[in-house]
Amino acid sequence: MEVLSSRILIRPHDPEAAWAFYGGSLGLAVAREFPGGVVYFLGTGYLEVSGRSSDAPVGPDAIWVQVRDVAATETELRLAGVAITRGTRTEPWGLRECWIADPDGRAIVLVEVPPDHPIRRDTR
């Protein structure tokens, strides 16, 4: 299988609230818009927020987002009114993480990879 592109798709309960969260509170840049949906740049991938769900969140259990400075990002998001579900801390596996949630309660893990972490030396 040759993968040319990929994206995460989520179907929020309230698209307008989700767009305000991802584009406004998190400040993700828009890759493209279409009637009923917005595709955001998410690092080297994409996040599509489109359609509407009447059920509990379906899709990824969490969205993993790497940032340069997780503590600074936590402060920035707190000031923007984003609820922090788990504050910044260094995990036993060596990554610094902070957890937030989108308007539907979907977990977003903000991750900082310290300079000496093995992920930085993984050449796969």
C-alpha atoms as a PDB file:
ATOM      1  CA  MET A   1       0.000   0.000   0.000  1.00  0.00           C
ATOM      2  CA  GLU A   2       1.324   3.411  -0.962  1.00  0.00           C
ATOM      3  CA  VAL A   3      -0.122   6.218   1.204  1.00  0.00           C
ATOM      4  CA  LEU A   4      -0.181   9.580  -0.540  1.00  0.00           C
ATOM      5  CA  SER A   5      -2.054  11.605   2.059  1.00  0.00           C
ATOM      6  CA  SER A   6      -4.073  11.088   5.217  1.00  0.00           C
ATOM      7  CA  ARG A   7      -6.309  12.906   7.639  1.00  0.00           C
ATOM      8  CA  ILE A   8      -8.318  12.363  10.795  1.00  0.00           C
ATOM      9  CA  LEU A   9     -12.071  12.886  10.333  1.00  0.00           C
ATOM     10  CA  ILE A  10     -14.364  13.793  13.204  1.00  0.00           C
ATOM     11  CA  ARG A  11     -18.110  14.385  13.202  1.00  0.00           C
ATOM     12  CA  PRO A  12     -18.965  16.811  16.028  1.00  0.00           C
ATOM     13  CA  HIS A  13     -22.335  17.303  17.723  1.00  0.00           C
ATOM     14  CA  ASP A  14     -22.117  21.044  17.060  1.00  0.00           C
ATOM     15  CA  PRO A  15     -19.956  21.879  14.021  1.00  0.00           C
ATOM     16  CA  GLU A  16     -19.892  25.618  14.749  1.00  0.00           C
ATOM     17  CA  ALA A  17     -18.606  25.014  18.297  1.00  0.00           C
ATOM     18  CA  ALA A  18     -16.000  22.570  16.949  1.00  0.00           C
ATOM     19  CA  TRP A  19     -14.826  25.041  14.276  1.00  0.00           C
ATOM     20  CA  ALA A  20     -14.581  27.794  16.908  1.00  0.00           C
ATOM     21  CA  PHE A  21     -12.532  25.455  19.121  1.00  0.00           C
ATOM     22  CA  TYR A  22     -10.125  24.048  16.522  1.00  0.00           C
ATOM     23  CA  GLY A  23      -9.760  27.199  14.413  1.00  0.00           C
ATOM     24  CA  GLY A  24     -10.229  29.768  17.179  1.00  0.00           C
ATOM     25  CA  SER A  25      -9.136  28.447  20.568  1.00  0.00           C
ATOM     26  CA  LEU A  26      -6.410  26.151  19.220  1.00  0.00           C
ATOM     27  CA  GLY A  27      -5.577  28.427  16.283  1.00  0.00           C
ATOM     28  CA  LEU A  28      -5.190  25.649  13.704  1.00  0.00           C
ATOM     29  CA  ALA A  29      -4.681  26.997  10.188  1.00  0.00           C
ATOM     30  CA  VAL A  30      -7.315  26.172   7.577  1.00  0.00           C
ATOM     31  CA  ALA A  31      -6.170  23.930   4.732  1.00  0.00           C
ATOM     32  CA  ARG A  32      -9.517  24.094   2.936  1.00  0.00           C
ATOM     33  CA  GLU A  33     -13.171  24.802   3.569  1.00  0.00           C
ATOM     34  CA  PHE A  34     -16.239  23.362   1.910  1.00  0.00           C
ATOM     35  CA  PRO A  35     -19.974  23.486   2.641  1.00  0.00           C
ATOM     36  CA  GLY A  36     -20.406  21.707   5.972  1.00  0.00           C
ATOM     37  CA  GLY A  37     -16.743  21.210   6.758  1.00  0.00           C
ATOM     38  CA  VAL A  38     -13.302  22.584   7.436  1.00  0.00           C
ATOM     39  CA  VAL A  39      -9.967  20.811   7.001  1.00  0.00           C
ATOM     40  CA  TYR A  40      -7.219  22.082   9.297  1.00  0.00           C
ATOM     41  CA  PHE A  41      -3.479  21.630   9.032  1.00  0.00           C
ATOM     42  CA  LEU A  42      -2.345  19.385  11.880  1.00  0.00           C
ATOM     43  CA  GLY A  43       1.445  19.362  11.657  1.00  0.00           C
ATOM     44  CA  THR A  44       2.280  17.036   8.789  1.00  0.00           C
ATOM     45  CA  GLY A  45      -1.312  15.752   8.623  1.00  0.00           C
ATOM     46  CA  TYR A  46      -4.848  17.083   8.463  1.00  0.00           C
ATOM     47  CA  LEU A  47      -7.899  17.194  10.710  1.00  0.00           C
ATOM     48  CA  GLU A  48     -11.278  17.346   8.972  1.00  0.00           C
ATOM     49  CA  VAL A  49     -14.206  18.566  11.069  1.00  0.00           C
ATOM     50  CA  SER A  50     -17.347  18.012   9.029  1.00  0.00           C
ATOM     51  CA  GLY A  51     -20.895  16.780   9.208  1.00  0.00           C
ATOM     52  CA  ARG A  52     -22.793  16.383  12.425  1.00  0.00           C
ATOM     53  CA  SER A  53     -23.093  13.521  14.907  1.00  0.00           C
ATOM     54  CA  SER A  54     -26.025  12.963  17.218  1.00  0.00           C
ATOM     55  CA  ASP A  55     -24.229  10.206  19.125  1.00  0.00           C
ATOM     56  CA  ALA A  56     -21.250  10.119  21.449  1.00  0.00           C
ATOM     57  CA  PRO A  57     -17.897  10.934  19.821  1.00  0.00           C
ATOM     58  CA  VAL A  58     -16.876   8.334  17.310  1.00  0.00           C
ATOM     59  CA  GLY A  59     -13.383   8.182  15.945  1.00  0.00           C
ATOM     60  CA  PRO A  60     -10.027   8.464  17.593  1.00  0.00           C
ATOM     61  CA  ASP A  61      -9.781   7.900  21.335  1.00  0.00           C
ATOM     62  CA  ALA A  62      -7.392  10.835  21.395  1.00  0.00           C
ATOM     63  CA  ILE A  63      -5.658  13.189  19.013  1.00  0.00           C
ATOM     64  CA  TRP A  64      -1.887  13.382  19.620  1.00  0.00           C
ATOM     65  CA  VAL A  65      -0.446  16.822  18.853  1.00  0.00           C
ATOM     66  CA  GLN A  66       3.258  17.536  19.255  1.00  0.00           C
ATOM     67  CA  VAL A  67       4.161  21.097  20.313  1.00  0.00           C
ATOM     68  CA  ARG A  68       7.512  22.767  20.985  1.00  0.00           C
ATOM     69  CA  ASP A  69       6.789  23.853  24.580  1.00  0.00           C
ATOM     70  CA  VAL A  70       3.878  22.112  26.270  1.00  0.00           C
ATOM     71  CA  ALA A  71       3.896  24.272  29.429  1.00  0.00           C
ATOM     72  CA  ALA A  72       3.752  27.477  27.378  1.00  0.00           C
ATOM     73  CA  THR A  73       0.989  25.969  25.232  1.00  0.00           C
ATOM     74  CA  GLU A  74      -0.986  25.048  28.364  1.00  0.00           C
ATOM     75  CA  THR A  75      -0.704  28.634  29.626  1.00  0.00           C
ATOM     76  CA  GLU A  76      -1.774  30.027  26.245  1.00  0.00           C
ATOM     77  CA  LEU A  77      -4.802  27.726  26.082  1.00  0.00           C
ATOM     78  CA  ARG A  78      -5.846  28.470  29.691  1.00  0.00           C
ATOM     79  CA  LEU A  79      -5.822  32.185  28.837  1.00  0.00           C
ATOM     80  CA  ALA A  80      -7.984  31.398  25.787  1.00  0.00           C
ATOM     81  CA  GLY A  81     -10.518  29.653  28.051  1.00  0.00           C
ATOM     82  CA  VAL A  82      -9.728  26.080  27.025  1.00  0.00           C
ATOM     83  CA  ALA A  83     -10.374  23.590  29.834  1.00  0.00           C
ATOM     84  CA  ILE A  84      -7.278  21.635  30.796  1.00  0.00           C
ATOM     85  CA  THR A  85      -8.240  18.088  31.759  1.00  0.00           C
ATOM     86  CA  ARG A  86      -4.729  17.125  32.915  1.00  0.00           C
ATOM     87  CA  GLY A  87      -1.970  19.640  33.483  1.00  0.00           C
ATOM     88  CA  THR A  88       1.549  19.448  32.110  1.00  0.00           C
ATOM     89  CA  ARG A  89       3.730  16.733  33.570  1.00  0.00           C
ATOM     90  CA  THR A  90       6.546  14.437  32.568  1.00  0.00           C
ATOM     91  CA  GLU A  91       5.250  10.919  32.010  1.00  0.00           C
ATOM     92  CA  PRO A  92       7.154   7.750  33.006  1.00  0.00           C
ATOM     93  CA  TRP A  93       7.977   7.220  29.303  1.00  0.00           C
ATOM     94  CA  GLY A  94       9.781  10.589  29.241  1.00  0.00           C
ATOM     95  CA  LEU A  95       7.369  12.739  27.223  1.00  0.00           C
ATOM     96  CA  ARG A  96       5.919  15.949  28.665  1.00  0.00           C
ATOM     97  CA  GLU A  97       2.145  15.890  28.207  1.00  0.00           C
ATOM     98  CA  CYS A  98      -0.884  18.073  28.850  1.00  0.00           C
ATOM     99  CA  TRP A  99      -4.435  16.911  28.082  1.00  0.00           C
ATOM    100  CA  ILE A 100      -7.364  19.014  26.885  1.00  0.00           C
ATOM    101  CA  ALA A 101     -10.755  18.096  25.387  1.00  0.00           C
ATOM    102  CA  ASP A 102     -12.686  19.353  22.397  1.00  0.00           C
ATOM    103  CA  PRO A 103     -16.348  20.457  22.733  1.00  0.00           C
ATOM    104  CA  ASP A 104     -17.518  16.828  22.387  1.00  0.00           C
ATOM    105  CA  GLY A 105     -15.125  15.606  25.089  1.00  0.00           C
ATOM    106  CA  ARG A 106     -12.650  14.026  22.657  1.00  0.00           C
ATOM    107  CA  ALA A 107      -9.203  13.935  24.267  1.00  0.00           C
ATOM    108  CA  ILE A 108      -6.373  15.935  22.750  1.00  0.00           C
ATOM    109  CA  VAL A 109      -2.913  15.069  24.044  1.00  0.00           C
ATOM    110  CA  LEU A 110      -0.420  17.905  23.728  1.00  0.00           C
ATOM    111  CA  VAL A 111       3.079  16.423  23.707  1.00  0.00           C
ATOM    112  CA  GLU A 112       6.564  17.881  24.010  1.00  0.00           C
ATOM    113  CA  VAL A 113       9.429  15.565  23.091  1.00  0.00           C
ATOM    114  CA  PRO A 114      12.462  16.523  25.218  1.00  0.00           C
ATOM    115  CA  PRO A 115      15.769  16.893  23.320  1.00  0.00           C
ATOM    116  CA  ASP A 116      17.256  13.767  24.937  1.00  0.00           C
ATOM    117  CA  HIS A 117      14.206  11.511  24.362  1.00  0.00           C
ATOM    118  CA  PRO A 118      14.757   8.289  22.312  1.00  0.00           C
ATOM    119  CA  ILE A 119      12.035   9.342  19.820  1.00  0.00           C
ATOM    120  CA  ARG A 120      14.441  11.992  18.552  1.00  0.00           C
ATOM    121  CA  ARG A 121      17.008   9.287  17.728  1.00  0.00           C
ATOM    122  CA  ASP A 122      14.573   6.827  16.098  1.00  0.00           C
ATOM    123  CA  THR A 123      15.498   6.724  12.393  1.00  0.00           C
ATOM    124  CA  ARG A 124      12.615   4.512  11.215  1.00  0.00           C
END
